[in-house]
Amino acid sequence: MKSQIILTLFFISALATVERDANQEALEGVWSYFNKEGPFTVAKCGTDQDHKDAFLFTGYILRKADIGSTSEINPLIAEAEQFYNSLPLETRNCFENNQEVIELGKFLGLNQYTQDQLKDKISNWVGSHFFIYKRLIKAAGNDWNNWKDYKLSGEDLAELLQRILTDTKE
């Protein structure tokens, strides 16, 4: 019985590590898509439970986005915000004050938008580029939810982000 408990604890511990590693791989995909080195410290933000929650939520939101219509974009954004805000303050502060995240945000020009402007930009872009959005969401979700290639999921999501931020035809 003792060995079963030890094996169970080891398995649970390994799962938490797997999720942190998967999140790290996805972040590496984002950074590599933009030809940036890293990230080296972002995945250190948060507990193993935070990483597990983020991993599961990412899979969930990618599935939901894949089957959703354009009218569901704003509710998806709100759901993502709600999830992020549910993370412990220490985790959010670590992420928001992480120098790698700040530098990538500057590189992408995210600081030129308010939160509401960014939400509008996403919603408008998805509405006018729905098939591109669906292709990238489906690819990212397929790799993520089939435990295939998290780095590739990150690259697909980075491409989506770049298209949203740089496409001037809204």
Protein backbone atom coordinates (compact mmCIF):
# COMPACT_ATOMS: atom_id res chain seq x y z
CA MET A 1 0.00 0.00 0.00
CA LYS A 2 2.82 2.38 0.85
CA SER A 3 4.39 1.84 -2.57
CA GLN A 4 1.07 2.63 -4.28
CA ILE A 5 0.83 5.92 -2.39
CA ILE A 6 4.41 6.79 -3.32
CA LEU A 7 3.79 5.89 -6.97
CA THR A 8 0.57 7.92 -6.99
CA LEU A 9 2.35 10.95 -5.52
CA PHE A 10 5.18 10.51 -8.02
CA PHE A 11 2.68 10.29 -10.90
CA ILE A 12 0.83 13.42 -9.75
CA SER A 13 4.14 15.23 -9.36
CA ALA A 14 5.21 14.13 -12.85
CA LEU A 15 1.93 15.37 -14.31
CA ALA A 16 2.47 18.80 -12.81
CA THR A 17 5.96 18.83 -14.31
CA VAL A 18 4.55 17.68 -17.66
CA GLU A 19 2.10 20.59 -17.69
CA ARG A 20 4.77 23.12 -16.75
CA ASP A 21 7.00 21.66 -19.48
CA ALA A 22 4.16 21.79 -22.03
CA ASN A 23 3.45 25.41 -21.15
CA GLN A 24 7.18 26.18 -21.48
CA GLU A 25 7.27 24.51 -24.92
CA ALA A 26 4.28 26.54 -26.08
CA LEU A 27 5.91 29.75 -24.88
CA GLU A 28 9.11 28.74 -26.70
CA GLY A 29 6.99 28.37 -29.83
CA VAL A 30 5.64 31.91 -29.42
CA TRP A 31 9.10 33.37 -28.85
CA SER A 32 10.71 31.40 -31.70
CA TYR A 33 7.97 32.47 -34.13
CA PHE A 34 9.07 36.06 -33.54
CA ASN A 35 12.76 35.07 -33.76
CA LYS A 36 13.26 35.89 -30.10
CA GLU A 37 15.44 33.92 -27.73
CA GLY A 38 13.74 32.40 -24.73
CA PRO A 39 11.65 32.49 -22.73
CA PHE A 40 13.81 31.41 -19.85
CA THR A 41 11.94 32.65 -16.80
CA VAL A 42 8.23 32.91 -17.67
CA ALA A 43 7.40 29.28 -16.87
CA LYS A 44 8.85 29.80 -13.40
CA CYS A 45 5.86 32.02 -12.59
CA GLY A 46 3.18 30.14 -10.71
CA THR A 47 2.81 26.90 -8.87
CA ASP A 48 2.50 23.48 -10.43
CA GLN A 49 -1.27 23.76 -9.85
CA ASP A 50 -1.34 27.10 -11.70
CA HIS A 51 0.43 25.44 -14.62
CA LYS A 52 -1.93 22.50 -14.58
CA ASP A 53 -4.92 24.85 -14.54
CA ALA A 54 -3.43 26.93 -17.39
CA PHE A 55 -2.65 23.82 -19.41
CA LEU A 56 -6.19 22.45 -19.04
CA PHE A 57 -7.78 25.85 -19.68
CA THR A 58 -5.72 26.30 -22.85
CA GLY A 59 -6.97 22.98 -24.20
CA TYR A 60 -10.54 23.86 -23.25
CA ILE A 61 -10.47 27.34 -24.80
CA LEU A 62 -8.85 26.06 -28.01
CA ARG A 63 -11.60 23.42 -28.37
CA LYS A 64 -14.28 26.01 -27.69
CA ALA A 65 -12.74 28.50 -30.15
CA ASP A 66 -12.49 25.81 -32.80
CA ILE A 67 -16.20 25.03 -32.73
CA GLY A 68 -17.38 28.58 -32.03
CA SER A 69 -18.76 31.17 -34.39
CA THR A 70 -17.82 34.83 -34.70
CA SER A 71 -20.52 35.77 -32.20
CA GLU A 72 -18.69 33.76 -29.56
CA ILE A 73 -15.39 35.66 -29.77
CA ASN A 74 -16.22 38.28 -27.15
CA PRO A 75 -17.52 35.68 -24.66
CA LEU A 76 -14.32 33.65 -25.24
CA ILE A 77 -12.19 36.73 -24.53
CA ALA A 78 -14.20 37.38 -21.36
CA GLU A 79 -13.79 33.76 -20.28
CA ALA A 80 -10.02 33.96 -20.82
CA GLU A 81 -9.87 37.18 -18.79
CA GLN A 82 -11.89 35.58 -16.04
CA PHE A 83 -9.52 32.60 -15.94
CA TYR A 84 -6.45 34.85 -15.84
CA ASN A 85 -7.96 36.94 -13.06
CA SER A 86 -8.70 33.76 -11.09
CA LEU A 87 -4.99 32.94 -10.89
CA PRO A 88 -3.29 33.91 -7.63
CA LEU A 89 -2.15 37.53 -7.51
CA GLU A 90 1.45 36.41 -6.99
CA THR A 91 1.33 34.42 -10.25
CA ARG A 92 -0.22 37.29 -12.21
CA ASN A 93 2.31 39.77 -10.80
CA CYS A 94 5.19 37.45 -11.68
CA PHE A 95 3.92 37.15 -15.25
CA GLU A 96 3.09 40.83 -15.71
CA ASN A 97 6.44 41.97 -14.30
CA ASN A 98 8.49 39.36 -16.16
CA GLN A 99 11.07 41.15 -18.29
CA GLU A 100 10.74 38.64 -21.16
CA VAL A 101 6.99 39.19 -21.32
CA ILE A 102 7.44 42.96 -21.16
CA GLU A 103 10.02 42.90 -23.98
CA LEU A 104 7.85 40.69 -26.21
CA GLY A 105 4.86 42.99 -25.56
CA LYS A 106 6.95 46.00 -26.61
CA PHE A 107 8.19 44.15 -29.70
CA LEU A 108 4.58 43.37 -30.68
CA GLY A 109 3.42 46.90 -29.92
CA LEU A 110 0.85 45.78 -27.37
CA ASN A 111 1.48 48.88 -25.28
CA GLN A 112 -0.18 51.03 -27.96
CA TYR A 113 -3.58 49.49 -27.14
CA THR A 114 -5.82 49.72 -24.15
CA GLN A 115 -7.40 46.46 -23.07
CA ASP A 116 -10.71 47.46 -24.68
CA GLN A 117 -9.00 48.48 -27.93
CA LEU A 118 -7.21 45.14 -28.08
CA LYS A 119 -10.46 43.24 -27.48
CA ASP A 120 -12.13 45.23 -30.28
CA LYS A 121 -9.19 44.60 -32.59
CA ILE A 122 -9.35 40.85 -31.95
CA SER A 123 -13.11 40.72 -32.41
CA ASN A 124 -13.05 42.79 -35.62
CA TRP A 125 -10.14 40.85 -37.10
CA VAL A 126 -11.73 37.46 -36.40
CA GLY A 127 -15.00 38.65 -37.91
CA SER A 128 -13.31 39.70 -41.14
CA HIS A 129 -10.73 36.86 -41.32
CA PHE A 130 -12.76 33.98 -39.94
CA PHE A 131 -11.30 31.23 -42.13
CA ILE A 132 -7.69 32.15 -41.31
CA TYR A 133 -8.65 32.29 -37.63
CA LYS A 134 -10.31 28.86 -37.82
CA ARG A 135 -7.32 27.30 -39.60
CA LEU A 136 -4.84 28.56 -37.00
CA ILE A 137 -7.07 27.75 -34.00
CA LYS A 138 -7.76 24.26 -35.35
CA ALA A 139 -4.05 23.60 -35.91
CA ALA A 140 -3.06 24.90 -32.46
CA GLY A 141 -5.87 23.03 -30.74
CA ASN A 142 -5.22 19.80 -32.58
CA ASP A 143 -1.59 19.71 -31.49
CA TRP A 144 -2.40 20.86 -27.95
CA ASN A 145 -5.35 18.60 -27.25
CA ASN A 146 -3.75 15.52 -28.77
CA TRP A 147 -0.57 15.99 -26.70
CA LYS A 148 1.47 16.34 -29.87
CA ASP A 149 3.59 19.43 -30.27
CA TYR A 150 3.12 22.30 -27.83
CA LYS A 151 5.86 24.36 -29.47
CA LEU A 152 3.95 24.16 -32.76
CA SER A 153 0.76 25.19 -30.95
CA GLY A 154 2.64 28.21 -29.63
CA GLU A 155 3.86 29.06 -33.13
CA ASP A 156 0.31 28.82 -34.53
CA LEU A 157 -1.01 31.08 -31.78
CA ALA A 158 1.88 33.52 -32.35
CA GLU A 159 1.02 33.66 -36.06
CA LEU A 160 -2.58 34.38 -35.14
CA LEU A 161 -1.48 37.14 -32.77
CA GLN A 162 0.81 38.66 -35.38
CA ARG A 163 -1.95 38.64 -38.00
CA ILE A 164 -4.39 40.28 -35.61
CA LEU A 165 -1.91 42.98 -34.63
CA THR A 166 -0.48 43.73 -38.07
CA ASP A 167 -3.39 43.34 -40.47
CA THR A 168 -4.69 46.80 -41.25
CA LYS A 169 -7.71 45.63 -43.26
CA GLU A 170 -10.41 45.60 -40.64
